[in-house]
Amino acid sequence: MKIDFKKISEKLRQLLQTLKGYSVFIFIVFILLIFSFLVFRINMLTRVEPSDDAVTAKLQTVKRPQIDQDSINKLQALQDNSVEVQTLFQQARDNPFHE
């Protein structure tokens, strides 16, 4: 079996000439394939849920703020003693976004 390289190169030239007419179409299809792959991959990655071990590990690193009971008692005593502070607290409870 003999391979004639001249015939192969001639066929390749004909193929390239044919493909030049469709170059814009091929380019658009290529770009659409890339975008569809990216959308598919992003969709897959957004659906991944973290494991319970990962959530537990993150929760252990978070330090929750704690207020000691003495500070709470002082704030409540100040609130009970001042009528003006009582109204401020009540207004803040009724409408927390009012300035």
N, C-alpha and C. Protein backbone atom coordinates (compact mmCIF):
# COMPACT_ATOMS: atom_id res chain seq x y z
N MET A 1 0.85 -1.18 0.00
CA MET A 1 0.00 0.00 0.00
C MET A 1 0.89 1.23 0.00
N LYS A 2 0.75 2.04 -1.00
CA LYS A 2 1.56 3.24 -1.14
C LYS A 2 0.70 4.47 -0.83
N ILE A 3 1.32 5.40 -0.14
CA ILE A 3 0.63 6.65 0.18
C ILE A 3 1.24 7.74 -0.69
N ASP A 4 0.42 8.38 -1.43
CA ASP A 4 0.88 9.45 -2.31
C ASP A 4 0.66 10.80 -1.60
N PHE A 5 1.77 11.42 -1.19
CA PHE A 5 1.67 12.66 -0.43
C PHE A 5 1.20 13.82 -1.28
N LYS A 6 1.42 13.77 -2.55
CA LYS A 6 0.96 14.84 -3.43
C LYS A 6 -0.55 14.87 -3.49
N LYS A 7 -1.17 13.70 -3.51
CA LYS A 7 -2.64 13.64 -3.54
C LYS A 7 -3.21 14.11 -2.20
N ILE A 8 -2.53 13.74 -1.12
CA ILE A 8 -3.00 14.15 0.21
C ILE A 8 -2.92 15.66 0.34
N SER A 9 -1.81 16.24 -0.06
CA SER A 9 -1.69 17.70 0.06
C SER A 9 -2.69 18.41 -0.84
N GLU A 10 -2.96 17.83 -2.01
CA GLU A 10 -3.96 18.42 -2.90
C GLU A 10 -5.35 18.36 -2.30
N LYS A 11 -5.69 17.24 -1.68
CA LYS A 11 -6.99 17.09 -1.03
C LYS A 11 -7.11 18.06 0.16
N LEU A 12 -6.01 18.23 0.90
CA LEU A 12 -6.03 19.16 2.03
C LEU A 12 -6.24 20.59 1.56
N ARG A 13 -5.61 20.97 0.47
CA ARG A 13 -5.82 22.31 -0.08
C ARG A 13 -7.27 22.52 -0.48
N GLN A 14 -7.87 21.53 -1.11
CA GLN A 14 -9.28 21.64 -1.50
C GLN A 14 -10.17 21.76 -0.27
N LEU A 15 -9.84 20.98 0.75
CA LEU A 15 -10.62 21.03 1.99
C LEU A 15 -10.49 22.41 2.64
N LEU A 16 -9.28 22.96 2.68
CA LEU A 16 -9.08 24.29 3.27
C LEU A 16 -9.80 25.37 2.47
N GLN A 17 -9.82 25.25 1.16
CA GLN A 17 -10.54 26.22 0.32
C GLN A 17 -12.04 26.15 0.62
N THR A 18 -12.55 24.94 0.81
CA THR A 18 -13.97 24.78 1.13
C THR A 18 -14.29 25.36 2.51
N LEU A 19 -13.38 25.12 3.48
CA LEU A 19 -13.61 25.60 4.84
C LEU A 19 -13.49 27.12 4.95
N LYS A 20 -12.73 27.76 4.08
CA LYS A 20 -12.60 29.22 4.13
C LYS A 20 -13.95 29.90 3.93
N GLY A 21 -14.79 29.31 3.12
CA GLY A 21 -16.12 29.89 2.91
C GLY A 21 -17.00 29.80 4.15
N TYR A 22 -16.72 28.83 5.01
CA TYR A 22 -17.50 28.63 6.23
C TYR A 22 -16.77 29.10 7.48
N SER A 23 -15.74 29.88 7.33
CA SER A 23 -14.91 30.26 8.47
C SER A 23 -15.69 31.06 9.52
N VAL A 24 -16.54 31.96 9.10
CA VAL A 24 -17.33 32.76 10.06
C VAL A 24 -18.29 31.85 10.82
N PHE A 25 -18.94 30.96 10.09
CA PHE A 25 -19.88 30.04 10.73
C PHE A 25 -19.15 29.13 11.72
N ILE A 26 -17.99 28.62 11.33
CA ILE A 26 -17.21 27.74 12.22
C ILE A 26 -16.76 28.51 13.46
N PHE A 27 -16.36 29.75 13.28
CA PHE A 27 -15.94 30.57 14.41
C PHE A 27 -17.10 30.80 15.38
N ILE A 28 -18.27 31.12 14.86
CA ILE A 28 -19.44 31.36 15.72
C ILE A 28 -19.83 30.09 16.46
N VAL A 29 -19.81 28.96 15.79
CA VAL A 29 -20.13 27.69 16.45
C VAL A 29 -19.11 27.39 17.53
N PHE A 30 -17.85 27.67 17.27
CA PHE A 30 -16.80 27.45 18.27
C PHE A 30 -17.02 28.31 19.50
N ILE A 31 -17.32 29.58 19.31
CA ILE A 31 -17.58 30.49 20.44
C ILE A 31 -18.81 30.04 21.22
N LEU A 32 -19.86 29.63 20.51
CA LEU A 32 -21.07 29.13 21.20
C LEU A 32 -20.78 27.88 22.01
N LEU A 33 -19.95 27.02 21.50
CA LEU A 33 -19.58 25.82 22.26
C LEU A 33 -18.81 26.18 23.52
N ILE A 34 -17.93 27.15 23.42
CA ILE A 34 -17.17 27.57 24.60
C ILE A 34 -18.11 28.19 25.64
N PHE A 35 -19.02 29.07 25.21
CA PHE A 35 -19.97 29.68 26.15
C PHE A 35 -20.89 28.65 26.77
N SER A 36 -21.37 27.70 25.99
CA SER A 36 -22.26 26.68 26.56
C SER A 36 -21.52 25.81 27.55
N PHE A 37 -20.26 25.50 27.28
CA PHE A 37 -19.47 24.73 28.25
C PHE A 37 -19.30 25.52 29.54
N LEU A 38 -19.00 26.81 29.42
CA LEU A 38 -18.82 27.63 30.62
C LEU A 38 -20.11 27.73 31.43
N VAL A 39 -21.22 27.91 30.78
CA VAL A 39 -22.51 27.98 31.49
C VAL A 39 -22.81 26.65 32.17
N PHE A 40 -22.56 25.57 31.48
CA PHE A 40 -22.79 24.24 32.07
C PHE A 40 -21.90 24.03 33.28
N ARG A 41 -20.63 24.40 33.17
CA ARG A 41 -19.68 24.21 34.27
C ARG A 41 -20.04 25.09 35.46
N ILE A 42 -20.41 26.33 35.22
CA ILE A 42 -20.81 27.24 36.30
C ILE A 42 -22.06 26.70 36.99
N ASN A 43 -23.00 26.19 36.21
CA ASN A 43 -24.21 25.62 36.78
C ASN A 43 -23.89 24.43 37.67
N MET A 44 -22.97 23.59 37.23
CA MET A 44 -22.58 22.44 38.05
C MET A 44 -21.93 22.88 39.35
N LEU A 45 -21.05 23.88 39.27
CA LEU A 45 -20.33 24.32 40.46
C LEU A 45 -21.22 25.05 41.46
N THR A 46 -22.27 25.71 40.99
CA THR A 46 -23.15 26.41 41.93
C THR A 46 -24.08 25.46 42.66
N ARG A 47 -24.28 24.28 42.13
CA ARG A 47 -25.16 23.32 42.79
C ARG A 47 -24.45 22.48 43.84
N VAL A 48 -23.14 22.58 43.94
CA VAL A 48 -22.39 21.77 44.89
C VAL A 48 -22.61 22.32 46.29
N GLU A 49 -23.03 21.44 47.19
CA GLU A 49 -23.26 21.82 48.58
C GLU A 49 -22.03 21.43 49.40
N PRO A 50 -21.66 22.24 50.39
CA PRO A 50 -20.52 21.86 51.23
C PRO A 50 -20.89 20.68 52.12
N SER A 51 -19.89 19.90 52.47
CA SER A 51 -20.14 18.73 53.32
C SER A 51 -20.38 19.19 54.75
N ASP A 52 -20.96 18.31 55.54
CA ASP A 52 -21.24 18.65 56.94
C ASP A 52 -19.95 18.89 57.71
N ASP A 53 -18.90 18.15 57.37
CA ASP A 53 -17.62 18.35 58.05
C ASP A 53 -17.05 19.74 57.77
N ALA A 54 -17.19 20.21 56.52
CA ALA A 54 -16.69 21.54 56.17
C ALA A 54 -17.47 22.62 56.91
N VAL A 55 -18.79 22.45 57.00
CA VAL A 55 -19.63 23.43 57.71
C VAL A 55 -19.26 23.45 59.19
N THR A 56 -19.08 22.28 59.77
CA THR A 56 -18.72 22.20 61.19
C THR A 56 -17.36 22.84 61.44
N ALA A 57 -16.41 22.61 60.55
CA ALA A 57 -15.08 23.20 60.71
C ALA A 57 -15.16 24.72 60.64
N LYS A 58 -15.95 25.27 59.73
CA LYS A 58 -16.09 26.73 59.63
C LYS A 58 -16.78 27.30 60.85
N LEU A 59 -17.79 26.59 61.35
CA LEU A 59 -18.51 27.09 62.52
C LEU A 59 -17.62 27.10 63.77
N GLN A 60 -16.69 26.18 63.84
CA GLN A 60 -15.80 26.15 65.01
C GLN A 60 -14.81 27.31 65.00
N THR A 61 -14.50 27.83 63.82
CA THR A 61 -13.54 28.94 63.76
C THR A 61 -14.20 30.29 64.05
N VAL A 62 -15.53 30.35 63.99
CA VAL A 62 -16.24 31.61 64.23
C VAL A 62 -16.39 31.81 65.73
N LYS A 63 -15.94 32.99 66.20
CA LYS A 63 -16.12 33.31 67.62
C LYS A 63 -17.38 34.15 67.76
N ARG A 64 -18.28 33.68 68.56
CA ARG A 64 -19.53 34.40 68.77
C ARG A 64 -19.33 35.43 69.88
N PRO A 65 -19.86 36.63 69.68
CA PRO A 65 -19.70 37.66 70.72
C PRO A 65 -20.55 37.29 71.94
N GLN A 66 -19.95 37.53 73.09
CA GLN A 66 -20.66 37.25 74.34
C GLN A 66 -20.63 38.50 75.21
N ILE A 67 -21.77 38.79 75.81
CA ILE A 67 -21.87 39.93 76.72
C ILE A 67 -22.06 39.35 78.11
N ASP A 68 -21.21 39.80 79.01
CA ASP A 68 -21.32 39.27 80.37
C ASP A 68 -22.59 39.79 81.05
N GLN A 69 -23.04 39.07 82.04
CA GLN A 69 -24.30 39.37 82.71
C GLN A 69 -24.24 40.70 83.44
N ASP A 70 -23.07 41.09 83.94
CA ASP A 70 -22.94 42.36 84.64
C ASP A 70 -23.24 43.54 83.71
N SER A 71 -22.75 43.49 82.47
CA SER A 71 -23.02 44.56 81.50
C SER A 71 -24.51 44.61 81.14
N ILE A 72 -25.12 43.46 81.03
CA ILE A 72 -26.56 43.40 80.73
C ILE A 72 -27.35 44.05 81.86
N ASN A 73 -26.97 43.74 83.09
CA ASN A 73 -27.67 44.31 84.25
C ASN A 73 -27.50 45.84 84.30
N LYS A 74 -26.31 46.34 83.97
CA LYS A 74 -26.08 47.79 83.98
C LYS A 74 -26.93 48.48 82.91
N LEU A 75 -27.01 47.89 81.72
CA LEU A 75 -27.83 48.48 80.66
C LEU A 75 -29.30 48.50 81.04
N GLN A 76 -29.77 47.43 81.64
CA GLN A 76 -31.17 47.39 82.06
C GLN A 76 -31.44 48.39 83.18
N ALA A 77 -30.48 48.56 84.07
CA ALA A 77 -30.65 49.54 85.15
C ALA A 77 -30.70 50.96 84.58
N LEU A 78 -29.84 51.25 83.62
CA LEU A 78 -29.85 52.57 82.99
C LEU A 78 -31.16 52.81 82.24
N GLN A 79 -31.66 51.79 81.60
CA GLN A 79 -32.91 51.92 80.86
C GLN A 79 -34.07 52.18 81.82
N ASP A 80 -34.08 51.50 82.95
CA ASP A 80 -35.17 51.65 83.91
C ASP A 80 -35.12 53.02 84.59
N ASN A 81 -33.96 53.61 84.76
CA ASN A 81 -33.83 54.88 85.48
C ASN A 81 -34.17 56.10 84.63
N SER A 82 -33.98 56.04 83.34
CA SER A 82 -34.15 57.22 82.50
C SER A 82 -35.38 57.05 81.61
N VAL A 83 -36.29 58.02 81.71
CA VAL A 83 -37.49 58.00 80.88
C VAL A 83 -37.12 58.24 79.42
N GLU A 84 -36.15 59.11 79.20
CA GLU A 84 -35.73 59.42 77.84
C GLU A 84 -35.13 58.19 77.15
N VAL A 85 -34.33 57.44 77.90
CA VAL A 85 -33.74 56.22 77.34
C VAL A 85 -34.83 55.19 77.08
N GLN A 86 -35.82 55.11 77.96
CA GLN A 86 -36.92 54.17 77.75
C GLN A 86 -37.65 54.47 76.44
N THR A 87 -37.89 55.74 76.18
CA THR A 87 -38.58 56.08 74.94
C THR A 87 -37.71 55.78 73.72
N LEU A 88 -36.39 56.01 73.84
CA LEU A 88 -35.50 55.68 72.73
C LEU A 88 -35.52 54.19 72.44
N PHE A 89 -35.48 53.38 73.50
CA PHE A 89 -35.53 51.93 73.31
C PHE A 89 -36.86 51.52 72.68
N GLN A 90 -37.93 52.11 73.14
CA GLN A 90 -39.25 51.76 72.61
C GLN A 90 -39.37 52.19 71.14
N GLN A 91 -38.87 53.39 70.80
CA GLN A 91 -38.91 53.83 69.41
C GLN A 91 -38.05 52.93 68.53
N ALA A 92 -36.92 52.50 69.06
CA ALA A 92 -36.04 51.62 68.28
C ALA A 92 -36.70 50.27 68.06
N ARG A 93 -37.47 49.81 69.01
CA ARG A 93 -38.18 48.54 68.84
C ARG A 93 -39.32 48.68 67.83
N ASP A 94 -40.01 49.83 67.86
CA ASP A 94 -41.13 50.02 66.96
C ASP A 94 -40.65 50.21 65.52
N ASN A 95 -39.62 51.04 65.33
CA ASN A 95 -39.13 51.33 63.98
C ASN A 95 -37.60 51.37 64.04
N PRO A 96 -36.94 50.22 63.81
CA PRO A 96 -35.48 50.17 63.97
C PRO A 96 -34.72 50.94 62.87
N PHE A 97 -35.37 51.28 61.75
CA PHE A 97 -34.66 51.95 60.66
C PHE A 97 -34.92 53.45 60.63
N HIS A 98 -35.62 53.97 61.63
CA HIS A 98 -35.90 55.40 61.70
C HIS A 98 -34.69 56.09 62.31
N GLU A 99 -34.29 57.21 61.69
CA GLU A 99 -33.12 57.94 62.20
C GLU A 99 -33.54 59.00 63.18
